[in-house]
Amino acid sequence: MTYIELVYTDLDRIEYETLRALQGNYPLDTADTTLIMDDGAELSAHEFVLSAFSSVFNRTFCHLQPDLNDGKYWIRLRHIPTRIMKNILSMMYKGGARFPAQDFRRLRKTARHFSLNGFVIPSPSEETSSSTIVATGPSFRTFQIRKRCLFWNDAMINEEALGPRMRRPNAEDSRPRSVYIEE
């Protein structure tokens, strides 16, 4: 099976250290946001992470109040497959994601829908190589995302085999106060 790996590149040291901290120091049991998917799956995340990586989530949180019972935000995401949203969260928390090649278009469309930092497609007049997606967001600085096609065999399940994404660069409906985001 063919897989694609997307990795943030050109990260400053502070951004790199922030991704490392997110990956290791913010367990999902401390999450203050629950994303409710169409299939009933609930994905945990942190408001500050979603806001930092997505101008859509940032605007959403400006108008949303946390639940009075548990202090969490509840956001229902419509028409977005759980597997795609898990990969979006992987991009946010780990700096990269590996997924089946047939999911690439859907992931890109969803990432663009959320104005995910690094995924807003440049205008046709901008020069880019075929293996790099250069992207800018209205309130974020430019990042590059490197796309690699991989042929994955079942023996490569270990996380260390997933590539360079963390290497240092150069050295439910009844719940109150929820919001619906449709793609």
N, C-alpha and C. Protein backbone atom coordinates (compact mmCIF):
# COMPACT_ATOMS: atom_id res chain seq x y z
N MET A 1 0.84 -1.17 0.00
CA MET A 1 0.00 0.00 0.00
C MET A 1 0.89 1.24 0.00
N THR A 2 0.48 2.25 -0.72
CA THR A 2 1.23 3.49 -0.79
C THR A 2 0.74 4.44 0.31
N TYR A 3 1.69 5.04 1.01
CA TYR A 3 1.38 6.01 2.05
C TYR A 3 2.03 7.33 1.70
N ILE A 4 1.47 8.40 2.20
CA ILE A 4 2.06 9.73 2.04
C ILE A 4 2.40 10.24 3.43
N GLU A 5 3.54 10.86 3.54
CA GLU A 5 3.93 11.48 4.80
C GLU A 5 4.04 12.98 4.57
N LEU A 6 3.36 13.77 5.38
CA LEU A 6 3.47 15.22 5.34
C LEU A 6 4.21 15.65 6.59
N VAL A 7 5.17 16.53 6.43
CA VAL A 7 5.97 16.98 7.56
C VAL A 7 6.17 18.49 7.46
N TYR A 8 6.00 19.18 8.57
CA TYR A 8 6.35 20.59 8.59
C TYR A 8 7.86 20.72 8.47
N THR A 9 8.31 21.63 7.62
CA THR A 9 9.74 21.90 7.49
C THR A 9 9.99 23.37 7.79
N ASP A 10 11.22 23.75 7.82
CA ASP A 10 11.62 25.14 8.07
C ASP A 10 11.07 25.68 9.38
N LEU A 11 11.05 24.85 10.41
CA LEU A 11 10.59 25.31 11.71
C LEU A 11 11.72 25.98 12.46
N ASP A 12 11.41 27.08 13.11
CA ASP A 12 12.38 27.70 14.00
C ASP A 12 12.55 26.83 15.24
N ARG A 13 13.60 27.05 15.97
CA ARG A 13 13.88 26.26 17.17
C ARG A 13 12.72 26.34 18.17
N ILE A 14 12.15 27.53 18.36
CA ILE A 14 11.04 27.68 19.31
C ILE A 14 9.84 26.85 18.87
N GLU A 15 9.53 26.89 17.57
CA GLU A 15 8.41 26.10 17.05
C GLU A 15 8.68 24.62 17.20
N TYR A 16 9.91 24.22 16.95
CA TYR A 16 10.27 22.81 17.11
C TYR A 16 10.09 22.38 18.56
N GLU A 17 10.59 23.16 19.49
CA GLU A 17 10.48 22.83 20.91
C GLU A 17 9.01 22.83 21.35
N THR A 18 8.20 23.71 20.78
CA THR A 18 6.77 23.73 21.10
C THR A 18 6.11 22.43 20.66
N LEU A 19 6.41 21.97 19.45
CA LEU A 19 5.86 20.69 18.99
C LEU A 19 6.32 19.54 19.88
N ARG A 20 7.56 19.55 20.29
CA ARG A 20 8.08 18.51 21.19
C ARG A 20 7.32 18.53 22.52
N ALA A 21 7.08 19.73 23.06
CA ALA A 21 6.34 19.85 24.32
C ALA A 21 4.91 19.36 24.17
N LEU A 22 4.27 19.72 23.05
CA LEU A 22 2.90 19.27 22.81
C LEU A 22 2.83 17.76 22.73
N GLN A 23 3.80 17.17 22.08
CA GLN A 23 3.80 15.73 21.90
C GLN A 23 3.97 15.01 23.23
N GLY A 24 4.84 15.51 24.09
CA GLY A 24 5.17 14.78 25.30
C GLY A 24 4.53 15.27 26.58
N ASN A 25 4.17 16.54 26.66
CA ASN A 25 3.77 17.10 27.94
C ASN A 25 2.29 17.43 28.08
N TYR A 26 1.50 17.25 27.06
CA TYR A 26 0.09 17.57 27.16
C TYR A 26 -0.74 16.33 26.87
N PRO A 27 -0.87 15.45 27.88
CA PRO A 27 -1.66 14.24 27.66
C PRO A 27 -3.11 14.59 27.36
N LEU A 28 -3.75 13.74 26.59
CA LEU A 28 -5.12 14.03 26.16
C LEU A 28 -6.11 14.06 27.30
N ASP A 29 -5.76 13.50 28.48
CA ASP A 29 -6.69 13.60 29.61
C ASP A 29 -6.73 15.02 30.18
N THR A 30 -5.84 15.89 29.74
CA THR A 30 -5.89 17.29 30.15
C THR A 30 -6.57 18.17 29.10
N ALA A 31 -7.06 17.56 28.04
CA ALA A 31 -7.67 18.31 26.94
C ALA A 31 -8.92 19.05 27.40
N ASP A 32 -9.13 20.23 26.85
CA ASP A 32 -10.30 21.04 27.20
C ASP A 32 -11.30 21.13 26.05
N THR A 33 -11.06 20.37 24.99
CA THR A 33 -11.94 20.40 23.81
C THR A 33 -12.22 18.97 23.35
N THR A 34 -13.49 18.70 23.04
CA THR A 34 -13.86 17.41 22.46
C THR A 34 -14.46 17.66 21.09
N LEU A 35 -13.89 17.03 20.09
CA LEU A 35 -14.40 17.09 18.72
C LEU A 35 -15.28 15.86 18.52
N ILE A 36 -16.56 16.07 18.23
CA ILE A 36 -17.50 14.97 18.06
C ILE A 36 -17.70 14.74 16.58
N MET A 37 -17.38 13.54 16.13
CA MET A 37 -17.44 13.20 14.72
C MET A 37 -18.81 12.60 14.37
N ASP A 38 -19.14 12.54 13.08
CA ASP A 38 -20.42 11.98 12.62
C ASP A 38 -20.62 10.54 13.06
N ASP A 39 -19.54 9.77 13.13
CA ASP A 39 -19.67 8.36 13.50
C ASP A 39 -19.74 8.16 15.02
N GLY A 40 -19.79 9.25 15.78
CA GLY A 40 -19.88 9.17 17.23
C GLY A 40 -18.55 9.20 17.95
N ALA A 41 -17.48 9.11 17.21
CA ALA A 41 -16.16 9.16 17.84
C ALA A 41 -15.94 10.54 18.46
N GLU A 42 -15.26 10.55 19.59
CA GLU A 42 -14.92 11.80 20.26
C GLU A 42 -13.40 11.90 20.31
N LEU A 43 -12.88 12.97 19.74
CA LEU A 43 -11.44 13.19 19.72
C LEU A 43 -11.11 14.33 20.68
N SER A 44 -10.13 14.12 21.51
CA SER A 44 -9.73 15.14 22.48
C SER A 44 -8.63 16.01 21.91
N ALA A 45 -8.67 17.28 22.27
CA ALA A 45 -7.65 18.23 21.83
C ALA A 45 -7.60 19.38 22.83
N HIS A 46 -6.65 20.25 22.64
CA HIS A 46 -6.49 21.43 23.48
C HIS A 46 -6.87 22.67 22.68
N GLU A 47 -7.66 23.55 23.28
CA GLU A 47 -8.11 24.77 22.61
C GLU A 47 -6.95 25.58 22.08
N PHE A 48 -5.91 25.70 22.86
CA PHE A 48 -4.80 26.54 22.41
C PHE A 48 -4.07 25.94 21.22
N VAL A 49 -4.03 24.62 21.12
CA VAL A 49 -3.38 23.99 19.97
C VAL A 49 -4.23 24.20 18.72
N LEU A 50 -5.54 23.94 18.82
CA LEU A 50 -6.43 24.13 17.68
C LEU A 50 -6.40 25.58 17.21
N SER A 51 -6.43 26.52 18.16
CA SER A 51 -6.41 27.94 17.81
C SER A 51 -5.10 28.36 17.17
N ALA A 52 -4.02 27.81 17.65
CA ALA A 52 -2.71 28.19 17.12
C ALA A 52 -2.50 27.72 15.69
N PHE A 53 -3.04 26.56 15.34
CA PHE A 53 -2.81 26.00 14.02
C PHE A 53 -3.90 26.32 13.02
N SER A 54 -5.08 26.77 13.45
CA SER A 54 -6.20 26.97 12.54
C SER A 54 -6.91 28.29 12.82
N SER A 55 -6.97 29.16 11.82
CA SER A 55 -7.69 30.42 12.00
C SER A 55 -9.19 30.18 12.14
N VAL A 56 -9.72 29.10 11.57
CA VAL A 56 -11.14 28.76 11.71
C VAL A 56 -11.44 28.39 13.16
N PHE A 57 -10.63 27.52 13.74
CA PHE A 57 -10.83 27.18 15.15
C PHE A 57 -10.60 28.41 16.04
N ASN A 58 -9.64 29.22 15.69
CA ASN A 58 -9.37 30.42 16.47
C ASN A 58 -10.61 31.32 16.54
N ARG A 59 -11.24 31.57 15.37
CA ARG A 59 -12.46 32.38 15.34
C ARG A 59 -13.61 31.68 16.08
N THR A 60 -13.70 30.35 15.96
CA THR A 60 -14.76 29.59 16.63
C THR A 60 -14.66 29.75 18.14
N PHE A 61 -13.47 29.61 18.67
CA PHE A 61 -13.29 29.72 20.12
C PHE A 61 -13.56 31.13 20.64
N CYS A 62 -13.41 32.14 19.79
CA CYS A 62 -13.72 33.51 20.20
C CYS A 62 -15.21 33.69 20.49
N HIS A 63 -16.07 32.88 19.86
CA HIS A 63 -17.52 33.01 19.99
C HIS A 63 -18.16 31.86 20.76
N LEU A 64 -17.38 30.95 21.28
CA LEU A 64 -17.90 29.75 21.93
C LEU A 64 -17.58 29.79 23.41
N GLN A 65 -18.54 29.42 24.23
CA GLN A 65 -18.32 29.33 25.68
C GLN A 65 -18.16 27.86 26.06
N PRO A 66 -17.31 27.59 27.03
CA PRO A 66 -17.18 26.19 27.47
C PRO A 66 -18.45 25.72 28.17
N ASP A 67 -18.64 24.42 28.18
CA ASP A 67 -19.78 23.80 28.84
C ASP A 67 -19.77 24.17 30.32
N LEU A 68 -20.94 24.49 30.87
CA LEU A 68 -21.01 24.90 32.27
C LEU A 68 -20.76 23.75 33.24
N ASN A 69 -21.02 22.52 32.81
CA ASN A 69 -20.85 21.36 33.69
C ASN A 69 -19.40 20.90 33.81
N ASP A 70 -18.71 20.85 32.71
CA ASP A 70 -17.35 20.30 32.78
C ASP A 70 -16.27 21.27 32.33
N GLY A 71 -16.65 22.45 31.90
CA GLY A 71 -15.66 23.45 31.50
C GLY A 71 -14.99 23.18 30.17
N LYS A 72 -15.50 22.21 29.43
CA LYS A 72 -14.88 21.86 28.15
C LYS A 72 -15.67 22.45 26.99
N TYR A 73 -15.00 22.57 25.87
CA TYR A 73 -15.65 22.94 24.62
C TYR A 73 -16.08 21.66 23.92
N TRP A 74 -17.29 21.69 23.34
CA TRP A 74 -17.79 20.56 22.56
C TRP A 74 -18.04 21.06 21.15
N ILE A 75 -17.37 20.48 20.19
CA ILE A 75 -17.51 20.91 18.80
C ILE A 75 -17.85 19.70 17.95
N ARG A 76 -19.01 19.76 17.27
CA ARG A 76 -19.39 18.67 16.37
C ARG A 76 -18.88 19.01 14.98
N LEU A 77 -18.15 18.08 14.41
CA LEU A 77 -17.62 18.24 13.06
C LEU A 77 -18.43 17.35 12.12
N ARG A 78 -19.08 17.96 11.16
CA ARG A 78 -19.92 17.22 10.22
C ARG A 78 -19.17 16.94 8.93
N HIS A 79 -19.42 15.78 8.37
CA HIS A 79 -18.91 15.39 7.05
C HIS A 79 -17.39 15.29 6.99
N ILE A 80 -16.77 15.05 8.11
CA ILE A 80 -15.31 14.87 8.13
C ILE A 80 -15.04 13.49 8.73
N PRO A 81 -14.44 12.59 7.96
CA PRO A 81 -14.15 11.26 8.50
C PRO A 81 -13.19 11.34 9.70
N THR A 82 -13.42 10.47 10.67
CA THR A 82 -12.59 10.45 11.87
C THR A 82 -11.13 10.25 11.53
N ARG A 83 -10.83 9.36 10.58
CA ARG A 83 -9.42 9.08 10.25
C ARG A 83 -8.72 10.33 9.70
N ILE A 84 -9.47 11.16 8.96
CA ILE A 84 -8.89 12.39 8.42
C ILE A 84 -8.61 13.37 9.55
N MET A 85 -9.57 13.51 10.47
CA MET A 85 -9.36 14.45 11.58
C MET A 85 -8.24 13.99 12.49
N LYS A 86 -8.09 12.70 12.66
CA LYS A 86 -6.96 12.19 13.46
C LYS A 86 -5.63 12.59 12.82
N ASN A 87 -5.56 12.55 11.50
CA ASN A 87 -4.33 12.97 10.82
C ASN A 87 -4.10 14.48 10.93
N ILE A 88 -5.17 15.27 10.89
CA ILE A 88 -5.04 16.71 11.09
C ILE A 88 -4.48 16.98 12.48
N LEU A 89 -5.01 16.28 13.48
CA LEU A 89 -4.50 16.45 14.85
C LEU A 89 -3.06 16.00 14.97
N SER A 90 -2.70 14.96 14.25
CA SER A 90 -1.30 14.53 14.24
C SER A 90 -0.40 15.62 13.68
N MET A 91 -0.85 16.29 12.63
CA MET A 91 -0.06 17.40 12.08
C MET A 91 0.12 18.49 13.14
N MET A 92 -0.92 18.76 13.89
CA MET A 92 -0.84 19.81 14.90
C MET A 92 0.05 19.42 16.08
N TYR A 93 -0.12 18.21 16.58
CA TYR A 93 0.59 17.81 17.79
C TYR A 93 1.98 17.25 17.55
N LYS A 94 2.18 16.59 16.42
CA LYS A 94 3.45 15.92 16.18
C LYS A 94 4.28 16.55 15.08
N GLY A 95 3.68 17.46 14.33
CA GLY A 95 4.42 18.09 13.25
C GLY A 95 4.39 17.31 11.96
N GLY A 96 3.66 16.20 11.92
CA GLY A 96 3.59 15.40 10.70
C GLY A 96 2.54 14.32 10.82
N ALA A 97 2.23 13.69 9.71
CA ALA A 97 1.26 12.60 9.68
C ALA A 97 1.60 11.67 8.54
N ARG A 98 1.35 10.41 8.73
CA ARG A 98 1.49 9.41 7.67
C ARG A 98 0.13 8.75 7.49
N PHE A 99 -0.32 8.67 6.24
CA PHE A 99 -1.66 8.18 5.96
C PHE A 99 -1.69 7.56 4.57
N PRO A 100 -2.72 6.74 4.26
CA PRO A 100 -2.82 6.14 2.94
C PRO A 100 -2.92 7.22 1.86
N ALA A 101 -2.29 6.97 0.73
CA ALA A 101 -2.25 7.95 -0.36
C ALA A 101 -3.65 8.34 -0.83
N GLN A 102 -4.61 7.41 -0.80
CA GLN A 102 -5.95 7.74 -1.27
C GLN A 102 -6.65 8.77 -0.36
N ASP A 103 -6.13 9.02 0.83
CA ASP A 103 -6.71 10.03 1.72
C ASP A 103 -6.13 11.43 1.50
N PHE A 104 -5.13 11.56 0.65
CA PHE A 104 -4.44 12.84 0.53
C PHE A 104 -5.37 13.99 0.12
N ARG A 105 -6.17 13.79 -0.93
CA ARG A 105 -7.05 14.88 -1.40
C ARG A 105 -8.04 15.29 -0.32
N ARG A 106 -8.61 14.30 0.37
CA ARG A 106 -9.58 14.60 1.43
C ARG A 106 -8.91 15.34 2.60
N LEU A 107 -7.72 14.90 2.95
CA LEU A 107 -6.99 15.56 4.03
C LEU A 107 -6.64 16.99 3.65
N ARG A 108 -6.17 17.18 2.43
CA ARG A 108 -5.83 18.52 1.97
C ARG A 108 -7.06 19.43 1.96
N LYS A 109 -8.20 18.90 1.47
CA LYS A 109 -9.44 19.68 1.43
C LYS A 109 -9.88 20.07 2.85
N THR A 110 -9.81 19.13 3.77
CA THR A 110 -10.20 19.40 5.15
C THR A 110 -9.25 20.39 5.80
N ALA A 111 -7.97 20.23 5.56
CA ALA A 111 -6.97 21.15 6.12
C ALA A 111 -7.19 22.56 5.58
N ARG A 112 -7.49 22.67 4.30
CA ARG A 112 -7.78 23.99 3.71
C ARG A 112 -9.06 24.57 4.29
N HIS A 113 -10.08 23.71 4.51
CA HIS A 113 -11.35 24.16 5.11
C HIS A 113 -11.11 24.81 6.47
N PHE A 114 -10.23 24.23 7.25
CA PHE A 114 -9.90 24.76 8.57
C PHE A 114 -8.82 25.84 8.52
N SER A 115 -8.35 26.17 7.33
CA SER A 115 -7.23 27.11 7.18
C SER A 115 -6.08 26.70 8.07
N LEU A 116 -5.78 25.42 8.02
CA LEU A 116 -4.69 24.88 8.84
C LEU A 116 -3.37 25.49 8.42
N ASN A 117 -2.67 25.99 9.38
CA ASN A 117 -1.38 26.62 9.13
C ASN A 117 -0.51 25.68 8.30
N GLY A 118 -0.07 26.16 7.15
CA GLY A 118 0.76 25.35 6.27
C GLY A 118 0.01 24.68 5.14
N PHE A 119 -1.32 24.80 5.08
CA PHE A 119 -2.08 24.09 4.06
C PHE A 119 -2.89 24.97 3.13
N VAL A 120 -2.88 26.25 3.31
CA VAL A 120 -3.62 27.12 2.41
C VAL A 120 -2.84 27.15 1.11
N ILE A 121 -3.47 26.74 0.03
CA ILE A 121 -2.78 26.56 -1.24
C ILE A 121 -2.43 27.92 -1.85
N PRO A 122 -1.20 28.05 -2.36
CA PRO A 122 -0.77 29.32 -2.94
C PRO A 122 -1.47 29.60 -4.26
N SER A 123 -1.40 30.85 -4.69
CA SER A 123 -1.99 31.21 -5.98
C SER A 123 -1.18 30.56 -7.09
N PRO A 124 -1.79 30.33 -8.27
CA PRO A 124 -1.08 29.67 -9.37
C PRO A 124 0.16 30.42 -9.83
N SER A 125 0.23 31.70 -9.57
CA SER A 125 1.39 32.46 -10.03
C SER A 125 2.64 32.20 -9.19
N GLU A 126 2.46 31.61 -8.00
CA GLU A 126 3.62 31.33 -7.16
C GLU A 126 4.36 30.11 -7.69
N GLU A 127 5.66 30.19 -7.65
CA GLU A 127 6.48 29.08 -8.10
C GLU A 127 6.67 28.08 -6.97
N THR A 128 6.30 26.81 -7.21
CA THR A 128 6.55 25.76 -6.22
C THR A 128 7.02 24.52 -6.94
N SER A 129 7.77 23.71 -6.24
CA SER A 129 8.16 22.42 -6.82
C SER A 129 7.00 21.46 -6.65
N SER A 130 7.00 20.40 -7.43
CA SER A 130 5.88 19.46 -7.37
C SER A 130 5.85 18.69 -6.07
N SER A 131 6.95 18.64 -5.34
CA SER A 131 6.96 17.87 -4.10
C SER A 131 6.81 18.74 -2.87
N THR A 132 6.58 20.03 -3.04
CA THR A 132 6.44 20.92 -1.89
C THR A 132 5.15 21.71 -2.02
N ILE A 133 4.41 21.80 -0.93
CA ILE A 133 3.23 22.64 -0.88
C ILE A 133 3.63 23.85 -0.05
N VAL A 134 3.70 25.01 -0.67
CA VAL A 134 4.04 26.22 0.07
C VAL A 134 2.73 26.87 0.44
N ALA A 135 2.60 27.29 1.68
CA ALA A 135 1.31 27.76 2.12
C ALA A 135 1.43 28.92 3.09
N THR A 136 0.40 29.76 3.04
CA THR A 136 0.33 30.86 3.99
C THR A 136 -1.07 30.94 4.53
N GLY A 137 -1.23 31.44 5.70
CA GLY A 137 -2.53 31.69 6.30
C GLY A 137 -2.64 33.17 6.58
N PRO A 138 -3.85 33.68 6.71
CA PRO A 138 -4.02 35.11 6.89
C PRO A 138 -3.36 35.65 8.16
N SER A 139 -3.27 34.82 9.20
CA SER A 139 -2.69 35.33 10.44
C SER A 139 -1.48 34.52 10.88
N PHE A 140 -0.94 33.72 10.00
CA PHE A 140 0.19 32.88 10.35
C PHE A 140 1.33 33.10 9.38
N ARG A 141 2.52 32.82 9.83
CA ARG A 141 3.66 32.93 8.93
C ARG A 141 3.73 31.71 8.03
N THR A 142 4.50 31.81 6.99
CA THR A 142 4.60 30.75 6.00
C THR A 142 5.33 29.53 6.55
N PHE A 143 4.80 28.37 6.25
CA PHE A 143 5.48 27.11 6.51
C PHE A 143 5.55 26.36 5.20
N GLN A 144 6.43 25.43 5.13
CA GLN A 144 6.43 24.50 4.01
C GLN A 144 6.08 23.13 4.54
N ILE A 145 5.39 22.36 3.73
CA ILE A 145 5.07 20.99 4.08
C ILE A 145 5.66 20.11 3.01
N ARG A 146 6.48 19.19 3.40
CA ARG A 146 7.09 18.27 2.45
C ARG A 146 6.21 17.04 2.34
N LYS A 147 5.97 16.63 1.11
CA LYS A 147 5.14 15.46 0.82
C LYS A 147 6.04 14.38 0.26
N ARG A 148 5.97 13.18 0.85
CA ARG A 148 6.73 12.05 0.34
C ARG A 148 5.79 10.87 0.15
N CYS A 149 5.94 10.19 -0.97
CA CYS A 149 5.22 8.94 -1.17
C CYS A 149 6.08 7.82 -0.63
N LEU A 150 5.47 6.93 0.10
CA LEU A 150 6.19 5.82 0.70
C LEU A 150 5.48 4.52 0.38
N PHE A 151 6.23 3.49 0.24
CA PHE A 151 5.64 2.17 0.13
C PHE A 151 5.88 1.52 1.47
N TRP A 152 4.82 1.21 2.18
CA TRP A 152 4.92 0.75 3.55
C TRP A 152 4.64 -0.74 3.61
N ASN A 153 5.52 -1.47 4.25
CA ASN A 153 5.21 -2.87 4.51
C ASN A 153 4.81 -2.99 5.97
N ASP A 154 4.18 -4.09 6.32
CA ASP A 154 3.64 -4.25 7.67
C ASP A 154 4.71 -4.24 8.76
N ALA A 155 5.94 -4.44 8.40
CA ALA A 155 7.00 -4.47 9.40
C ALA A 155 7.37 -3.07 9.90
N MET A 156 6.91 -2.02 9.23
CA MET A 156 7.29 -0.65 9.60
C MET A 156 6.29 0.00 10.55
N ILE A 157 5.78 -0.71 11.51
CA ILE A 157 4.75 -0.14 12.37
C ILE A 157 5.34 0.74 13.46
N ASN A 158 6.57 0.55 13.81
CA ASN A 158 7.16 1.30 14.92
C ASN A 158 7.26 2.79 14.60
N GLU A 159 6.99 3.60 15.59
CA GLU A 159 6.93 5.06 15.43
C GLU A 159 8.25 5.65 14.97
N GLU A 160 9.36 5.06 15.32
CA GLU A 160 10.67 5.58 14.91
C GLU A 160 10.83 5.54 13.39
N ALA A 161 10.14 4.61 12.73
CA ALA A 161 10.27 4.48 11.28
C ALA A 161 9.47 5.52 10.52
N LEU A 162 8.74 6.37 11.22
CA LEU A 162 7.87 7.33 10.54
C LEU A 162 8.60 8.53 9.96
N GLY A 163 9.86 8.67 10.20
CA GLY A 163 10.59 9.71 9.49
C GLY A 163 11.00 10.90 10.33
N PRO A 164 11.38 11.97 9.64
CA PRO A 164 12.09 13.07 10.26
C PRO A 164 11.23 14.15 10.90
N ARG A 165 9.95 13.91 11.12
CA ARG A 165 9.10 15.02 11.51
C ARG A 165 9.46 15.65 12.85
N MET A 166 10.15 14.91 13.72
CA MET A 166 10.49 15.48 15.01
C MET A 166 11.99 15.68 15.18
N ARG A 167 12.74 15.63 14.12
CA ARG A 167 14.17 15.89 14.23
C ARG A 167 14.44 17.37 14.23
N ARG A 168 15.48 17.76 14.90
CA ARG A 168 15.81 19.17 14.97
C ARG A 168 16.17 19.70 13.59
N PRO A 169 15.65 20.87 13.22
CA PRO A 169 16.03 21.47 11.95
C PRO A 169 17.40 22.07 12.08
N ASN A 170 18.26 21.63 11.24
CA ASN A 170 19.63 22.14 11.27
C ASN A 170 20.10 22.24 12.71
N ALA A 171 21.03 21.60 13.29
CA ALA A 171 21.43 21.40 14.71
C ALA A 171 20.05 21.20 15.45
N GLU A 172 -21.43 14.86 21.57
CA GLU A 172 -22.92 14.39 21.15
C GLU A 172 -23.83 15.59 21.00
N ASP A 173 -25.17 15.81 20.29
CA ASP A 173 -25.98 16.96 19.92
C ASP A 173 -26.63 17.65 21.12
N SER A 174 -27.05 16.86 22.17
CA SER A 174 -27.77 17.46 23.29
C SER A 174 -26.84 18.21 24.23
N ARG A 175 -25.72 18.11 24.07
CA ARG A 175 -24.79 18.81 24.95
C ARG A 175 -24.90 20.32 24.72
N PRO A 176 -24.94 21.07 25.79
CA PRO A 176 -25.09 22.53 25.64
C PRO A 176 -23.83 23.19 25.11
N ARG A 177 -24.05 24.33 24.52
CA ARG A 177 -22.95 25.19 24.06
C ARG A 177 -21.97 24.47 23.14
N SER A 178 -22.51 23.77 22.18
CA SER A 178 -21.64 23.15 21.19
C SER A 178 -21.80 23.90 19.88
N VAL A 179 -20.89 23.67 18.98
CA VAL A 179 -20.92 24.35 17.70
C VAL A 179 -20.78 23.30 16.61
N TYR A 180 -21.38 23.56 15.46
CA TYR A 180 -21.28 22.65 14.33
C TYR A 180 -20.39 23.28 13.27
N ILE A 181 -19.46 22.52 12.81
CA ILE A 181 -18.62 22.99 11.71
C ILE A 181 -18.79 22.00 10.59
N GLU A 182 -19.27 22.46 9.46
CA GLU A 182 -19.46 21.58 8.32
C GLU A 182 -18.43 21.88 7.26
N GLU A 183 -18.04 20.83 6.57
CA GLU A 183 -17.06 20.99 5.50
C GLU A 183 -17.78 21.36 4.23
